[in-house]
Amino acid sequence: MASSMRSLFSDHGRYVESFRRFLNHSTEHQCMLEFMDKKLPGIIARYQNCC
């Protein structure tokens, strides 16, 4: 495992691709994107209207 991690760190393109795959399969990341796209704009708009 340590050898494969070293390989990822030394090959930037492979590291980026692995990270993108992780993000595509990460439910936490998907939930954050959904929150930012659907809920956050309304929260910001309400805050701007009250102050």
C-alpha atoms as a PDB file:
ATOM      1  CA  MET A   1       0.000   0.000   0.000  1.00  0.00           C
ATOM      2  CA  ALA A   2       2.762   2.453   0.858  1.00  0.00           C
ATOM      3  CA  SER A   3       4.288   1.789  -2.554  1.00  0.00           C
ATOM      4  CA  SER A   4       1.043   2.626  -4.374  1.00  0.00           C
ATOM      5  CA  MET A   5       0.659   5.832  -2.335  1.00  0.00           C
ATOM      6  CA  ARG A   6       4.203   6.860  -3.241  1.00  0.00           C
ATOM      7  CA  SER A   7       3.330   6.226  -6.872  1.00  0.00           C
ATOM      8  CA  LEU A   8       0.263   8.489  -6.618  1.00  0.00           C
ATOM      9  CA  PHE A   9       2.285  11.308  -5.088  1.00  0.00           C
ATOM     10  CA  SER A  10       5.007  11.099  -7.714  1.00  0.00           C
ATOM     11  CA  ASP A  11       2.531  10.993 -10.642  1.00  0.00           C
ATOM     12  CA  HIS A  12       0.440  14.172 -10.416  1.00  0.00           C
ATOM     13  CA  GLY A  13      -1.916  13.183 -13.249  1.00  0.00           C
ATOM     14  CA  ARG A  14      -2.683   9.846 -11.636  1.00  0.00           C
ATOM     15  CA  TYR A  15      -3.227  11.542  -8.268  1.00  0.00           C
ATOM     16  CA  VAL A  16      -5.688  14.041  -9.780  1.00  0.00           C
ATOM     17  CA  GLU A  17      -7.598  11.273 -11.565  1.00  0.00           C
ATOM     18  CA  SER A  18      -7.801   9.213  -8.358  1.00  0.00           C
ATOM     19  CA  PHE A  19      -9.052  12.231  -6.426  1.00  0.00           C
ATOM     20  CA  ARG A  20     -11.703  12.977  -9.070  1.00  0.00           C
ATOM     21  CA  ARG A  21     -12.905   9.380  -8.882  1.00  0.00           C
ATOM     22  CA  PHE A  22     -13.074   9.649  -5.104  1.00  0.00           C
ATOM     23  CA  LEU A  23     -15.172  12.830  -5.356  1.00  0.00           C
ATOM     24  CA  ASN A  24     -17.531  11.239  -7.886  1.00  0.00           C
ATOM     25  CA  HIS A  25     -18.185   8.340  -5.517  1.00  0.00           C
ATOM     26  CA  SER A  26     -18.190  10.292  -2.258  1.00  0.00           C
ATOM     27  CA  THR A  27     -21.700  10.679  -0.863  1.00  0.00           C
ATOM     28  CA  GLU A  28     -20.436  13.390   1.496  1.00  0.00           C
ATOM     29  CA  HIS A  29     -19.159  15.405  -1.464  1.00  0.00           C
ATOM     30  CA  GLN A  30     -22.433  14.871  -3.344  1.00  0.00           C
ATOM     31  CA  CYS A  31     -24.421  16.077  -0.320  1.00  0.00           C
ATOM     32  CA  MET A  32     -22.255  19.181  -0.038  1.00  0.00           C
ATOM     33  CA  LEU A  33     -22.741  20.001  -3.726  1.00  0.00           C
ATOM     34  CA  GLU A  34     -26.502  19.527  -3.414  1.00  0.00           C
ATOM     35  CA  PHE A  35     -26.571  21.819  -0.373  1.00  0.00           C
ATOM     36  CA  MET A  36     -24.563  24.512  -2.169  1.00  0.00           C
ATOM     37  CA  ASP A  37     -26.693  24.296  -5.312  1.00  0.00           C
ATOM     38  CA  LYS A  38     -30.163  24.026  -3.754  1.00  0.00           C
ATOM     39  CA  LYS A  39     -30.195  25.331  -0.179  1.00  0.00           C
ATOM     40  CA  LEU A  40     -27.369  27.834   0.194  1.00  0.00           C
ATOM     41  CA  PRO A  41     -28.671  30.381  -2.348  1.00  0.00           C
ATOM     42  CA  GLY A  42     -31.947  30.664  -0.390  1.00  0.00           C
ATOM     43  CA  ILE A  43     -30.113  31.044   2.911  1.00  0.00           C
ATOM     44  CA  ILE A  44     -27.924  33.801   1.480  1.00  0.00           C
ATOM     45  CA  ALA A  45     -30.927  35.562  -0.079  1.00  0.00           C
ATOM     46  CA  ARG A  46     -32.813  35.519   3.239  1.00  0.00           C
ATOM     47  CA  TYR A  47     -29.781  36.929   5.028  1.00  0.00           C
ATOM     48  CA  GLN A  48     -29.357  39.706   2.455  1.00  0.00           C
ATOM     49  CA  ASN A  49     -33.042  40.650   2.754  1.00  0.00           C
ATOM     50  CA  CYS A  50     -33.021  40.912   6.539  1.00  0.00           C
ATOM     51  CA  CYS A  51     -29.925  43.128   6.932  1.00  0.00           C
END
